[in-house]
PDB file of N, CA and C in Angstrom:
ATOM      1  N   MET A   1     -27.971 -26.870  -2.662  1.00  0.00           N
ATOM      2  CA  MET A   1     -27.052 -26.023  -2.707  1.00  0.00           C
ATOM      3  C   MET A   1     -26.484 -24.779  -1.769  1.00  0.00           C
ATOM      4  N   GLU A   2     -27.204 -25.016  -0.457  1.00  0.00           N
ATOM      5  CA  GLU A   2     -26.432 -24.684   0.634  1.00  0.00           C
ATOM      6  C   GLU A   2     -25.282 -24.909   0.433  1.00  0.00           C
ATOM      7  N   SER A   3     -25.044 -25.699   0.748  1.00  0.00           N
ATOM      8  CA  SER A   3     -23.134 -26.760   0.616  1.00  0.00           C
ATOM      9  C   SER A   3     -22.340 -25.855  -0.198  1.00  0.00           C
ATOM     10  N   ILE A   4     -22.828 -25.735  -1.361  1.00  0.00           N
ATOM     11  CA  ILE A   4     -22.213 -24.935  -2.408  1.00  0.00           C
ATOM     12  C   ILE A   4     -21.510 -23.517  -2.214  1.00  0.00           C
ATOM     13  N   VAL A   5     -22.812 -22.905  -1.470  1.00  0.00           N
ATOM     14  CA  VAL A   5     -22.338 -21.585  -1.390  1.00  0.00           C
ATOM     15  C   VAL A   5     -22.018 -21.560  -0.443  1.00  0.00           C
ATOM     16  N   SER A   6     -21.815 -22.374   1.284  1.00  0.00           N
ATOM     17  CA  SER A   6     -21.074 -22.157   2.174  1.00  0.00           C
ATOM     18  C   SER A   6     -19.982 -22.239   1.914  1.00  0.00           C
ATOM     19  N   ILE A   7     -19.348 -23.429   1.185  1.00  0.00           N
ATOM     20  CA  ILE A   7     -17.906 -23.232   0.307  1.00  0.00           C
ATOM     21  C   ILE A   7     -17.331 -22.362  -0.257  1.00  0.00           C
ATOM     22  N   LEU A   8     -18.143 -21.612  -0.940  1.00  0.00           N
ATOM     23  CA  LEU A   8     -17.564 -20.512  -1.834  1.00  0.00           C
ATOM     24  C   LEU A   8     -17.428 -19.444  -1.036  1.00  0.00           C
ATOM     25  N   ALA A   9     -18.460 -19.237   0.121  1.00  0.00           N
ATOM     26  CA  ALA A   9     -18.253 -18.321   1.325  1.00  0.00           C
ATOM     27  C   ALA A   9     -17.157 -18.153   2.096  1.00  0.00           C
ATOM     28  N   GLY A  10     -16.198 -19.767   2.292  1.00  0.00           N
ATOM     29  CA  GLY A  10     -15.545 -20.113   3.038  1.00  0.00           C
ATOM     30  C   GLY A  10     -14.039 -19.774   2.258  1.00  0.00           C
ATOM     31  N   VAL A  11     -14.221 -20.248   1.021  1.00  0.00           N
ATOM     32  CA  VAL A  11     -13.160 -19.916   0.325  1.00  0.00           C
ATOM     33  C   VAL A  11     -13.118 -18.350   0.311  1.00  0.00           C
ATOM     34  N   LEU A  12     -13.713 -17.135  -0.269  1.00  0.00           N
ATOM     35  CA  LEU A  12     -13.963 -16.192  -0.172  1.00  0.00           C
ATOM     36  C   LEU A  12     -13.591 -15.522   0.735  1.00  0.00           C
ATOM     37  N   VAL A  13     -13.379 -16.087   2.361  1.00  0.00           N
ATOM     38  CA  VAL A  13     -13.410 -15.682   3.531  1.00  0.00           C
ATOM     39  C   VAL A  13     -11.560 -15.745   3.595  1.00  0.00           C
ATOM     40  N   ALA A  14     -11.461 -17.336   3.110  1.00  0.00           N
ATOM     41  CA  ALA A  14      -9.970 -17.601   2.964  1.00  0.00           C
ATOM     42  C   ALA A  14      -8.914 -16.737   2.179  1.00  0.00           C
ATOM     43  N   GLY A  15      -9.499 -16.059   0.787  1.00  0.00           N
ATOM     44  CA  GLY A  15      -9.057 -15.175  -0.315  1.00  0.00           C
ATOM     45  C   GLY A  15      -8.879 -13.953   0.858  1.00  0.00           C
ATOM     46  N   GLY A  16      -9.915 -13.544   1.483  1.00  0.00           N
ATOM     47  CA  GLY A  16      -9.988 -12.274   1.907  1.00  0.00           C
ATOM     48  C   GLY A  16      -8.514 -11.790   2.969  1.00  0.00           C
ATOM     49  N   ALA A  17      -8.705 -13.014   3.937  1.00  0.00           N
ATOM     50  CA  ALA A  17      -7.715 -13.021   4.724  1.00  0.00           C
ATOM     51  C   ALA A  17      -6.203 -13.259   4.366  1.00  0.00           C
ATOM     52  N   TYR A  18      -6.065 -14.376   3.273  1.00  0.00           N
ATOM     53  CA  TYR A  18      -4.927 -13.887   2.286  1.00  0.00           C
ATOM     54  C   TYR A  18      -4.191 -12.939   1.944  1.00  0.00           C
ATOM     55  N   LEU A  19      -5.196 -11.890   1.245  1.00  0.00           N
ATOM     56  CA  LEU A  19      -4.785 -10.578   0.961  1.00  0.00           C
ATOM     57  C   LEU A  19      -5.144  -9.604   2.076  1.00  0.00           C
ATOM     58  N   MET A  20      -5.781  -9.858   3.062  1.00  0.00           N
ATOM     59  CA  MET A  20      -6.038  -9.032   3.928  1.00  0.00           C
ATOM     60  C   MET A  20      -4.366  -8.791   5.053  1.00  0.00           C
ATOM     61  N   LEU A  21      -3.923  -9.996   4.835  1.00  0.00           N
ATOM     62  CA  LEU A  21      -2.524 -10.079   5.664  1.00  0.00           C
ATOM     63  C   LEU A  21      -1.093  -9.894   4.478  1.00  0.00           C
ATOM     64  N   SER A  22      -1.560  -9.635   3.155  1.00  0.00           N
ATOM     65  CA  SER A  22      -0.231  -9.363   2.816  1.00  0.00           C
ATOM     66  C   SER A  22       0.953  -7.812   3.087  1.00  0.00           C
ATOM     67  N   GLY A  23       0.261  -7.004   3.591  1.00  0.00           N
ATOM     68  CA  GLY A  23       0.918  -5.837   3.680  1.00  0.00           C
ATOM     69  C   GLY A  23       1.142  -4.487   2.394  1.00  0.00           C
ATOM     70  N   ASN A  24       0.061  -4.761   1.801  1.00  0.00           N
ATOM     71  CA  ASN A  24      -0.352  -4.110   1.095  1.00  0.00           C
ATOM     72  C   ASN A  24      -1.596  -3.510   1.044  1.00  0.00           C
ATOM     73  N   LEU A  25      -1.814  -2.274   0.938  1.00  0.00           N
ATOM     74  CA  LEU A  25      -3.197  -1.090   1.080  1.00  0.00           C
ATOM     75  C   LEU A  25      -3.614  -1.824  -0.093  1.00  0.00           C
ATOM     76  N   VAL A  26      -3.583  -1.703  -1.427  1.00  0.00           N
ATOM     77  CA  VAL A  26      -4.588  -2.288  -2.220  1.00  0.00           C
ATOM     78  C   VAL A  26      -5.109  -3.818  -1.883  1.00  0.00           C
ATOM     79  N   ARG A  27      -4.605  -4.461  -1.366  1.00  0.00           N
ATOM     80  CA  ARG A  27      -4.591  -6.222  -1.188  1.00  0.00           C
ATOM     81  C   ARG A  27      -5.523  -5.796  -0.103  1.00  0.00           C
ATOM     82  N   TYR A  28      -5.571  -4.983   0.944  1.00  0.00           N
ATOM     83  CA  TYR A  28      -6.170  -4.951   1.441  1.00  0.00           C
ATOM     84  C   TYR A  28      -7.357  -4.940   1.343  1.00  0.00           C
ATOM     85  N   ILE A  29      -7.664  -3.677   0.827  1.00  0.00           N
ATOM     86  CA  ILE A  29      -8.924  -3.222   0.379  1.00  0.00           C
ATOM     87  C   ILE A  29      -9.967  -4.322  -0.095  1.00  0.00           C
ATOM     88  N   LEU A  30      -9.051  -5.046  -1.453  1.00  0.00           N
ATOM     89  CA  LEU A  30      -9.348  -6.171  -2.108  1.00  0.00           C
ATOM     90  C   LEU A  30      -9.922  -7.343  -1.591  1.00  0.00           C
ATOM     91  N   GLY A  31      -8.991  -7.964  -0.359  1.00  0.00           N
ATOM     92  CA  GLY A  31      -9.558  -8.210   0.722  1.00  0.00           C
ATOM     93  C   GLY A  31     -10.815  -8.386   1.573  1.00  0.00           C
ATOM     94  N   LEU A  32     -10.561  -6.990   1.985  1.00  0.00           N
ATOM     95  CA  LEU A  32     -12.100  -6.378   2.627  1.00  0.00           C
ATOM     96  C   LEU A  32     -13.545  -6.796   2.051  1.00  0.00           C
ATOM     97  N   THR A  33     -13.309  -6.232   0.302  1.00  0.00           N
ATOM     98  CA  THR A  33     -14.333  -6.600  -0.384  1.00  0.00           C
ATOM     99  C   THR A  33     -14.724  -7.957  -0.558  1.00  0.00           C
ATOM    100  N   LEU A  34     -13.529  -8.902  -0.532  1.00  0.00           N
ATOM    101  CA  LEU A  34     -13.796 -10.076  -0.543  1.00  0.00           C
ATOM    102  C   LEU A  34     -14.921 -10.826   1.250  1.00  0.00           C
ATOM    103  N   LEU A  35     -14.379 -10.503   1.835  1.00  0.00           N
ATOM    104  CA  LEU A  35     -14.935 -10.746   2.621  1.00  0.00           C
ATOM    105  C   LEU A  35     -16.341 -10.074   3.178  1.00  0.00           C
ATOM    106  N   SER A  36     -16.835  -9.139   2.613  1.00  0.00           N
ATOM    107  CA  SER A  36     -17.767  -8.324   2.534  1.00  0.00           C
ATOM    108  C   SER A  36     -18.660  -9.182   2.156  1.00  0.00           C
ATOM    109  N   ASN A  37     -18.207  -9.439   0.751  1.00  0.00           N
ATOM    110  CA  ASN A  37     -19.048 -10.414  -0.752  1.00  0.00           C
ATOM    111  C   ASN A  37     -19.356 -12.086   0.247  1.00  0.00           C
ATOM    112  N   ALA A  38     -18.869 -12.487   0.834  1.00  0.00           N
ATOM    113  CA  ALA A  38     -18.725 -13.934   1.531  1.00  0.00           C
ATOM    114  C   ALA A  38     -19.747 -13.936   2.533  1.00  0.00           C
ATOM    115  N   ALA A  39     -19.454 -12.394   3.230  1.00  0.00           N
ATOM    116  CA  ALA A  39     -20.970 -11.939   4.502  1.00  0.00           C
ATOM    117  C   ALA A  39     -21.996 -12.146   3.534  1.00  0.00           C
ATOM    118  N   ASN A  40     -22.365 -11.649   2.741  1.00  0.00           N
ATOM    119  CA  ASN A  40     -23.850 -11.599   1.444  1.00  0.00           C
ATOM    120  C   ASN A  40     -23.729 -12.975   1.255  1.00  0.00           C
ATOM    121  N   LEU A  41     -23.016 -13.890   0.876  1.00  0.00           N
ATOM    122  CA  LEU A  41     -23.451 -15.440   0.935  1.00  0.00           C
ATOM    123  C   LEU A  41     -24.082 -16.054   1.521  1.00  0.00           C
ATOM    124  N   VAL A  42     -23.802 -15.774   2.997  1.00  0.00           N
ATOM    125  CA  VAL A  42     -23.709 -16.341   4.703  1.00  0.00           C
ATOM    126  C   VAL A  42     -25.101 -15.886   4.251  1.00  0.00           C
ATOM    127  N   ILE A  43     -25.475 -14.683   4.343  1.00  0.00           N
ATOM    128  CA  ILE A  43     -26.641 -14.235   4.838  1.00  0.00           C
ATOM    129  C   ILE A  43     -27.747 -14.481   3.178  1.00  0.00           C
ATOM    130  N   PHE A  44     -27.639 -15.009   2.190  1.00  0.00           N
ATOM    131  CA  PHE A  44     -28.342 -15.599   1.766  1.00  0.00           C
ATOM    132  C   PHE A  44     -28.693 -17.043   1.480  1.00  0.00           C
ATOM    133  N   ALA A  45     -27.306 -17.662   1.995  1.00  0.00           N
ATOM    134  CA  ALA A  45     -27.850 -19.040   2.745  1.00  0.00           C
ATOM    135  C   ALA A  45     -28.481 -19.265   3.745  1.00  0.00           C
ATOM    136  N   ALA A  46     -28.230 -18.462   4.751  1.00  0.00           N
ATOM    137  CA  ALA A  46     -29.512 -18.322   6.426  1.00  0.00           C
ATOM    138  C   ALA A  46     -30.678 -17.849   5.527  1.00  0.00           C
ATOM    139  N   GLY A  47     -30.962 -17.334   4.568  1.00  0.00           N
ATOM    140  CA  GLY A  47     -31.981 -17.389   4.235  1.00  0.00           C
ATOM    141  C   GLY A  47     -33.229 -18.501   3.145  1.00  0.00           C
ATOM    142  N   ARG A  48     -32.598 -19.985   3.660  1.00  0.00           N
ATOM    143  CA  ARG A  48     -32.562 -20.922   2.682  1.00  0.00           C
ATOM    144  C   ARG A  48     -33.167 -20.608   0.932  1.00  0.00           C
ATOM    145  N   MET A  49     -32.594 -21.309   0.503  1.00  0.00           N
ATOM    146  CA  MET A  49     -32.649 -21.346  -1.034  1.00  0.00           C
ATOM    147  C   MET A  49     -33.567 -22.352  -1.478  1.00  0.00           C
ATOM    148  N   THR A  50     -35.036 -21.985  -1.477  1.00  0.00           N
ATOM    149  CA  THR A  50     -36.095 -22.935  -2.226  1.00  0.00           C
ATOM    150  C   THR A  50     -36.908 -22.568  -3.345  1.00  0.00           C
ATOM    151  N   GLU A  51     -37.364 -23.457  -3.851  1.00  0.00           N
ATOM    152  CA  GLU A  51     -37.965 -23.073  -5.375  1.00  0.00           C
ATOM    153  C   GLU A  51     -39.231 -22.177  -5.412  1.00  0.00           C
ATOM    154  N   ALA A  52     -39.447 -21.351  -4.166  1.00  0.00           N
ATOM    155  CA  ALA A  52     -40.875 -20.937  -3.599  1.00  0.00           C
ATOM    156  C   ALA A  52     -40.628 -19.711  -4.985  1.00  0.00           C
ATOM    157  N   ALA A  53     -42.355 -19.258  -4.554  1.00  0.00           N
ATOM    158  CA  ALA A  53     -42.361 -18.347  -5.907  1.00  0.00           C
ATOM    159  C   ALA A  53     -41.906 -17.305  -5.457  1.00  0.00           C
ATOM    160  N   PRO A  54     -42.048 -16.259  -5.997  1.00  0.00           N
ATOM    161  CA  PRO A  54     -41.387 -14.780  -5.568  1.00  0.00           C
ATOM    162  C   PRO A  54     -42.462 -14.350  -5.025  1.00  0.00           C
ATOM    163  N   PRO A  55     -41.747 -13.337  -3.493  1.00  0.00           N
ATOM    164  CA  PRO A  55     -43.065 -12.878  -2.256  1.00  0.00           C
ATOM    165  C   PRO A  55     -43.932 -11.884  -3.317  1.00  0.00           C
ATOM    166  N   LEU A  56     -44.263 -11.619  -4.519  1.00  0.00           N
ATOM    167  CA  LEU A  56     -45.183 -10.585  -5.468  1.00  0.00           C
ATOM    168  C   LEU A  56     -46.723 -10.370  -4.972  1.00  0.00           C
ATOM    169  N   THR A  57     -47.170  -9.597  -4.533  1.00  0.00           N
ATOM    170  CA  THR A  57     -48.533 -10.115  -4.497  1.00  0.00           C
ATOM    171  C   THR A  57     -49.877  -9.444  -5.604  1.00  0.00           C
ATOM    172  N   LEU A  58     -51.121 -10.271  -6.252  1.00  0.00           N
ATOM    173  CA  LEU A  58     -51.748 -10.058  -6.692  1.00  0.00           C
ATOM    174  C   LEU A  58     -52.247  -8.905  -7.020  1.00  0.00           C
ATOM    175  N   TYR A  59     -52.383  -8.129  -7.765  1.00  0.00           N
ATOM    176  CA  TYR A  59     -53.517  -7.044  -8.348  1.00  0.00           C
ATOM    177  C   TYR A  59     -54.413  -7.065  -7.203  1.00  0.00           C
ATOM    178  N   GLY A  60     -55.004  -6.235  -6.401  1.00  0.00           N
ATOM    179  CA  GLY A  60     -55.825  -6.117  -5.409  1.00  0.00           C
ATOM    180  C   GLY A  60     -56.092  -6.626  -4.186  1.00  0.00           C
ATOM    181  N   GLU A  61     -54.967  -7.752  -4.229  1.00  0.00           N
ATOM    182  CA  GLU A  61     -54.461  -8.563  -2.922  1.00  0.00           C
ATOM    183  C   GLU A  61     -53.796  -7.564  -2.057  1.00  0.00           C
ATOM    184  N   LYS A  62     -53.785  -7.475  -0.293  1.00  0.00           N
ATOM    185  CA  LYS A  62     -52.714  -7.048   0.153  1.00  0.00           C
ATOM    186  C   LYS A  62     -52.052  -7.818   0.927  1.00  0.00           C
ATOM    187  N   VAL A  63     -51.906  -9.242   0.232  1.00  0.00           N
ATOM    188  CA  VAL A  63     -50.496  -9.807   1.198  1.00  0.00           C
ATOM    189  C   VAL A  63     -50.514 -11.062  -0.185  1.00  0.00           C
ATOM    190  N   PRO A  64     -49.364 -11.790   0.307  1.00  0.00           N
ATOM    191  CA  PRO A  64     -48.608 -12.433  -0.638  1.00  0.00           C
ATOM    192  C   PRO A  64     -49.367 -13.753  -0.368  1.00  0.00           C
ATOM    193  N   ALA A  65     -49.508 -14.459  -1.396  1.00  0.00           N
ATOM    194  CA  ALA A  65     -50.120 -16.294  -1.291  1.00  0.00           C
ATOM    195  C   ALA A  65     -48.932 -16.969  -0.432  1.00  0.00           C
ATOM    196  N   GLU A  66     -50.021 -17.891  -0.216  1.00  0.00           N
ATOM    197  CA  GLU A  66     -49.164 -18.962   0.640  1.00  0.00           C
ATOM    198  C   GLU A  66     -48.066 -19.702  -0.510  1.00  0.00           C
ATOM    199  N   GLY A  67     -46.795 -19.569   0.422  1.00  0.00           N
ATOM    200  CA  GLY A  67     -45.357 -20.322   0.471  1.00  0.00           C
ATOM    201  C   GLY A  67     -44.818 -19.738  -0.851  1.00  0.00           C
ATOM    202  N   VAL A  68     -44.435 -18.058  -0.483  1.00  0.00           N
ATOM    203  CA  VAL A  68     -44.022 -17.379  -1.334  1.00  0.00           C
ATOM    204  C   VAL A  68     -42.084 -17.316  -0.577  1.00  0.00           C
ATOM    205  N   ALA A  69     -41.471 -17.324  -1.216  1.00  0.00           N
ATOM    206  CA  ALA A  69     -40.006 -16.940  -0.605  1.00  0.00           C
ATOM    207  C   ALA A  69     -39.836 -15.494   0.076  1.00  0.00           C
ATOM    208  N   ASN A  70     -38.770 -16.041   1.402  1.00  0.00           N
ATOM    209  CA  ASN A  70     -39.157 -14.973   2.338  1.00  0.00           C
ATOM    210  C   ASN A  70     -37.995 -13.691   1.701  1.00  0.00           C
ATOM    211  N   ALA A  71     -38.371 -12.449   1.891  1.00  0.00           N
ATOM    212  CA  ALA A  71     -37.800 -11.487   0.939  1.00  0.00           C
ATOM    213  C   ALA A  71     -36.748 -10.483   2.107  1.00  0.00           C
ATOM    214  N   LEU A  72     -36.636 -10.625   3.016  1.00  0.00           N
ATOM    215  CA  LEU A  72     -35.506 -10.360   4.158  1.00  0.00           C
ATOM    216  C   LEU A  72     -34.755 -10.220   3.570  1.00  0.00           C
ATOM    217  N   PRO A  73     -34.278 -11.942   3.647  1.00  0.00           N
ATOM    218  CA  PRO A  73     -32.238 -11.544   2.898  1.00  0.00           C
ATOM    219  C   PRO A  73     -31.995 -11.285   1.619  1.00  0.00           C
ATOM    220  N   GLN A  74     -33.171 -10.849   1.069  1.00  0.00           N
ATOM    221  CA  GLN A  74     -32.639  -9.911  -0.486  1.00  0.00           C
ATOM    222  C   GLN A  74     -32.539  -8.963  -0.294  1.00  0.00           C
ATOM    223  N   ALA A  75     -33.643  -8.528   0.604  1.00  0.00           N
ATOM    224  CA  ALA A  75     -33.348  -6.913   0.886  1.00  0.00           C
ATOM    225  C   ALA A  75     -31.937  -6.671   1.772  1.00  0.00           C
ATOM    226  N   LEU A  76     -31.872  -7.272   2.941  1.00  0.00           N
ATOM    227  CA  LEU A  76     -30.953  -7.207   3.405  1.00  0.00           C
ATOM    228  C   LEU A  76     -29.425  -7.308   2.719  1.00  0.00           C
ATOM    229  N   ILE A  77     -29.376  -8.477   1.657  1.00  0.00           N
ATOM    230  CA  ILE A  77     -28.273  -8.246   0.903  1.00  0.00           C
ATOM    231  C   ILE A  77     -28.311  -7.140  -0.348  1.00  0.00           C
ATOM    232  N   LEU A  78     -29.214  -6.950  -0.785  1.00  0.00           N
ATOM    233  CA  LEU A  78     -29.274  -5.451  -1.403  1.00  0.00           C
ATOM    234  C   LEU A  78     -28.833  -4.292  -0.746  1.00  0.00           C
ATOM    235  N   THR A  79     -29.165  -4.165   0.462  1.00  0.00           N
ATOM    236  CA  THR A  79     -28.686  -2.978   1.657  1.00  0.00           C
ATOM    237  C   THR A  79     -27.022  -2.925   1.316  1.00  0.00           C
ATOM    238  N   ALA A  80     -26.130  -4.413   2.049  1.00  0.00           N
ATOM    239  CA  ALA A  80     -25.055  -4.401   2.121  1.00  0.00           C
ATOM    240  C   ALA A  80     -24.153  -4.617   0.818  1.00  0.00           C
ATOM    241  N   ILE A  81     -24.698  -4.803  -0.072  1.00  0.00           N
ATOM    242  CA  ILE A  81     -24.387  -4.560  -1.483  1.00  0.00           C
ATOM    243  C   ILE A  81     -23.846  -3.299  -2.088  1.00  0.00           C
ATOM    244  N   VAL A  82     -25.022  -2.306  -1.413  1.00  0.00           N
ATOM    245  CA  VAL A  82     -24.594  -0.822  -1.577  1.00  0.00           C
ATOM    246  C   VAL A  82     -23.904  -0.647  -0.669  1.00  0.00           C
ATOM    247  N   ILE A  83     -23.654  -0.424   0.598  1.00  0.00           N
ATOM    248  CA  ILE A  83     -23.344  -0.176   1.240  1.00  0.00           C
ATOM    249  C   ILE A  83     -21.466  -0.548   1.324  1.00  0.00           C
ATOM    250  N   GLY A  84     -21.357  -1.582   1.148  1.00  0.00           N
ATOM    251  CA  GLY A  84     -19.858  -2.823   0.615  1.00  0.00           C
ATOM    252  C   GLY A  84     -18.584  -1.628  -0.394  1.00  0.00           C
ATOM    253  N   PHE A  85     -19.881  -1.701  -1.200  1.00  0.00           N
ATOM    254  CA  PHE A  85     -19.741  -0.823  -2.724  1.00  0.00           C
ATOM    255  C   PHE A  85     -19.071   0.598  -1.920  1.00  0.00           C
ATOM    256  N   GLY A  86     -19.902   1.557  -1.104  1.00  0.00           N
ATOM    257  CA  GLY A  86     -19.613   2.792  -1.607  1.00  0.00           C
ATOM    258  C   GLY A  86     -18.451   2.719  -0.381  1.00  0.00           C
ATOM    259  N   LEU A  87     -18.223   1.226   0.654  1.00  0.00           N
ATOM    260  CA  LEU A  87     -16.966   1.361   1.573  1.00  0.00           C
ATOM    261  C   LEU A  87     -15.537   1.090   0.672  1.00  0.00           C
ATOM    262  N   PHE A  88     -16.350   0.569  -0.238  1.00  0.00           N
ATOM    263  CA  PHE A  88     -14.831   0.275  -1.290  1.00  0.00           C
ATOM    264  C   PHE A  88     -14.155   1.079  -2.154  1.00  0.00           C
ATOM    265  N   CYS A  89     -15.069   2.207  -2.780  1.00  0.00           N
ATOM    266  CA  CYS A  89     -14.982   3.401  -3.336  1.00  0.00           C
ATOM    267  C   CYS A  89     -14.505   4.560  -1.996  1.00  0.00           C
ATOM    268  N   PHE A  90     -14.592   4.581  -0.764  1.00  0.00           N
ATOM    269  CA  PHE A  90     -14.238   5.564   0.039  1.00  0.00           C
ATOM    270  C   PHE A  90     -12.585   4.993   0.120  1.00  0.00           C
ATOM    271  N   ALA A  91     -12.518   3.814   0.126  1.00  0.00           N
ATOM    272  CA  ALA A  91     -11.311   3.134   0.752  1.00  0.00           C
ATOM    273  C   ALA A  91     -10.071   3.071  -0.019  1.00  0.00           C
ATOM    274  N   LEU A  92     -10.867   3.021  -1.343  1.00  0.00           N
ATOM    275  CA  LEU A  92      -9.946   3.037  -2.545  1.00  0.00           C
ATOM    276  C   LEU A  92      -9.351   4.489  -2.746  1.00  0.00           C
ATOM    277  N   THR A  93     -10.572   5.818  -2.051  1.00  0.00           N
ATOM    278  CA  THR A  93     -10.033   6.915  -2.346  1.00  0.00           C
ATOM    279  C   THR A  93      -8.955   7.274  -1.263  1.00  0.00           C
ATOM    280  N   LEU A  94      -8.704   6.706  -0.871  1.00  0.00           N
ATOM    281  CA  LEU A  94      -8.025   6.816   0.927  1.00  0.00           C
ATOM    282  C   LEU A  94      -7.412   6.561   0.425  1.00  0.00           C
ATOM    283  N   ALA A  95      -6.898   5.191  -0.562  1.00  0.00           N
ATOM    284  CA  ALA A  95      -5.513   4.646  -0.668  1.00  0.00           C
ATOM    285  C   ALA A  95      -5.031   5.238  -1.551  1.00  0.00           C
ATOM    286  N   TYR A  96      -5.146   5.692  -2.541  1.00  0.00           N
ATOM    287  CA  TYR A  96      -4.570   7.088  -3.763  1.00  0.00           C
ATOM    288  C   TYR A  96      -3.992   7.800  -2.921  1.00  0.00           C
ATOM    289  N   ARG A  97      -4.664   8.563  -1.960  1.00  0.00           N
ATOM    290  CA  ARG A  97      -4.328  10.017  -0.914  1.00  0.00           C
ATOM    291  C   ARG A  97      -3.279   9.515  -0.641  1.00  0.00           C
ATOM    292  N   ALA A  98      -3.329   8.122   0.598  1.00  0.00           N
ATOM    293  CA  ALA A  98      -2.206   7.599   1.040  1.00  0.00           C
ATOM    294  C   ALA A  98      -1.090   7.548   0.512  1.00  0.00           C
ATOM    295  N   TYR A  99      -1.409   7.431  -1.004  1.00  0.00           N
ATOM    296  CA  TYR A  99      -0.201   6.417  -1.972  1.00  0.00           C
ATOM    297  C   TYR A  99       0.629   7.689  -2.329  1.00  0.00           C
ATOM    298  N   TYR A 100      -0.628   9.019  -2.754  1.00  0.00           N
ATOM    299  CA  TYR A 100       0.321   9.836  -3.199  1.00  0.00           C
ATOM    300  C   TYR A 100       0.901  11.168  -2.334  1.00  0.00           C
ATOM    301  N   ALA A 101       0.489  10.790  -0.835  1.00  0.00           N
ATOM    302  CA  ALA A 101       1.122  11.563   0.077  1.00  0.00           C
ATOM    303  C   ALA A 101       2.178  11.030   0.365  1.00  0.00           C
ATOM    304  N   MET A 102       2.448   9.719   0.657  1.00  0.00           N
ATOM    305  CA  MET A 102       3.475   8.856   1.144  1.00  0.00           C
ATOM    306  C   MET A 102       4.365   8.134   0.031  1.00  0.00           C
ATOM    307  N   GLY A 103       3.981   7.885  -1.070  1.00  0.00           N
ATOM    308  CA  GLY A 103       5.007   7.696  -2.248  1.00  0.00           C
ATOM    309  C   GLY A 103       5.064   5.711  -2.282  1.00  0.00           C
ATOM    310  N   THR A 104       3.938   5.464  -1.117  1.00  0.00           N
ATOM    311  CA  THR A 104       3.934   3.836  -1.423  1.00  0.00           C
ATOM    312  C   THR A 104       2.962   3.700  -0.541  1.00  0.00           C
ATOM    313  N   ALA A 105       2.355   2.058  -1.083  1.00  0.00           N
ATOM    314  CA  ALA A 105       1.115   1.265  -0.673  1.00  0.00           C
ATOM    315  C   ALA A 105       2.024   0.225   0.115  1.00  0.00           C
ATOM    316  N   ARG A 106       2.959  -0.060   0.442  1.00  0.00           N
ATOM    317  CA  ARG A 106       3.076  -0.841   1.944  1.00  0.00           C
ATOM    318  C   ARG A 106       2.757  -0.364   3.444  1.00  0.00           C
ATOM    319  N   MET A 107       1.667  -1.474   3.682  1.00  0.00           N
ATOM    320  CA  MET A 107       1.512  -0.707   5.303  1.00  0.00           C
ATOM    321  C   MET A 107       2.555  -0.297   6.392  1.00  0.00           C
ATOM    322  N   ASP A 108       3.100  -1.620   5.829  1.00  0.00           N
ATOM    323  CA  ASP A 108       4.762  -1.328   6.977  1.00  0.00           C
ATOM    324  C   ASP A 108       5.642   0.425   6.965  1.00  0.00           C
ATOM    325  N   SER A 109       5.488   0.649   5.360  1.00  0.00           N
ATOM    326  CA  SER A 109       6.397   2.178   5.235  1.00  0.00           C
ATOM    327  C   SER A 109       5.296   3.318   5.798  1.00  0.00           C
ATOM    328  N   MET A 110       3.870   3.373   5.897  1.00  0.00           N
ATOM    329  CA  MET A 110       3.190   4.603   6.250  1.00  0.00           C
ATOM    330  C   MET A 110       3.238   4.424   7.858  1.00  0.00           C
ATOM    331  N   ARG A 111       3.998   5.064   8.405  1.00  0.00           N
ATOM    332  CA  ARG A 111       4.329   5.021  10.079  1.00  0.00           C
ATOM    333  C   ARG A 111       4.390   5.734  10.765  1.00  0.00           C
ATOM    334  N   VAL A 112       3.763   7.141   9.428  1.00  0.00           N
ATOM    335  CA  VAL A 112       4.269   8.269  10.040  1.00  0.00           C
ATOM    336  C   VAL A 112       3.940   9.020  11.593  1.00  0.00           C
ATOM    337  N   ALA A 113       2.745   8.094  12.038  1.00  0.00           N
ATOM    338  CA  ALA A 113       2.140   8.358  13.291  1.00  0.00           C
ATOM    339  C   ALA A 113       2.564   7.434  14.492  1.00  0.00           C
ATOM    340  N   GLU A 114       2.926   6.545  14.175  1.00  0.00           N
ATOM    341  CA  GLU A 114       3.928   5.668  14.205  1.00  0.00           C
ATOM    342  C   GLU A 114       5.144   5.507  14.011  1.00  0.00           C
ATOM    343  N   PRO A 115       5.820   6.306  14.764  1.00  0.00           N
ATOM    344  CA  PRO A 115       7.454   6.138  14.180  1.00  0.00           C
ATOM    345  C   PRO A 115       7.839   4.845  14.835  1.00  0.00           C
ATOM    346  N   ARG A 116       9.039   4.337  14.183  1.00  0.00           N
ATOM    347  CA  ARG A 116       9.793   2.562  14.971  1.00  0.00           C
ATOM    348  C   ARG A 116      10.572   3.179  16.372  1.00  0.00           C
ATOM    349  N   GLU A 117      10.509   2.030  16.963  1.00  0.00           N
ATOM    350  CA  GLU A 117      11.073   2.587  18.176  1.00  0.00           C
ATOM    351  C   GLU A 117      13.027   2.118  17.861  1.00  0.00           C
ATOM    352  N   GLU A 118      13.262   2.827  18.647  1.00  0.00           N
ATOM    353  CA  GLU A 118      15.045   2.639  18.747  1.00  0.00           C
ATOM    354  C   GLU A 118      15.123   1.580  19.851  1.00  0.00           C
ATOM    355  N   GLY A 119      16.278   1.227  19.480  1.00  0.00           N
ATOM    356  CA  GLY A 119      16.723  -0.305  20.290  1.00  0.00           C
ATOM    357  C   GLY A 119      15.995  -1.458  19.680  1.00  0.00           C
TER     358      GLY A 119
END
């Protein structure tokens, strides 16, 4: 199962890199989101996929029973999903503002701070 997740993470990285190199601001943001999801899959696969019991404690006990799954990768992924979604929304808002101010979504045409050199 880890091999399938690894291949899927590789496909997401390849797709994210392709979109980020396209030169369009919206595609760049979507590529960044794909890379974020690929990182989440890598963390998920690093936590080992087992058929262990969920890390729940019975009523009255203070520690879970033996052989439970590691909850740390799941907590990290949940945090990464929330942060990634916030980043996506913020970047999409900035892209909309840039499109509204400059009239284009092409990153090569957004050179107000870095004008082209003569010659």
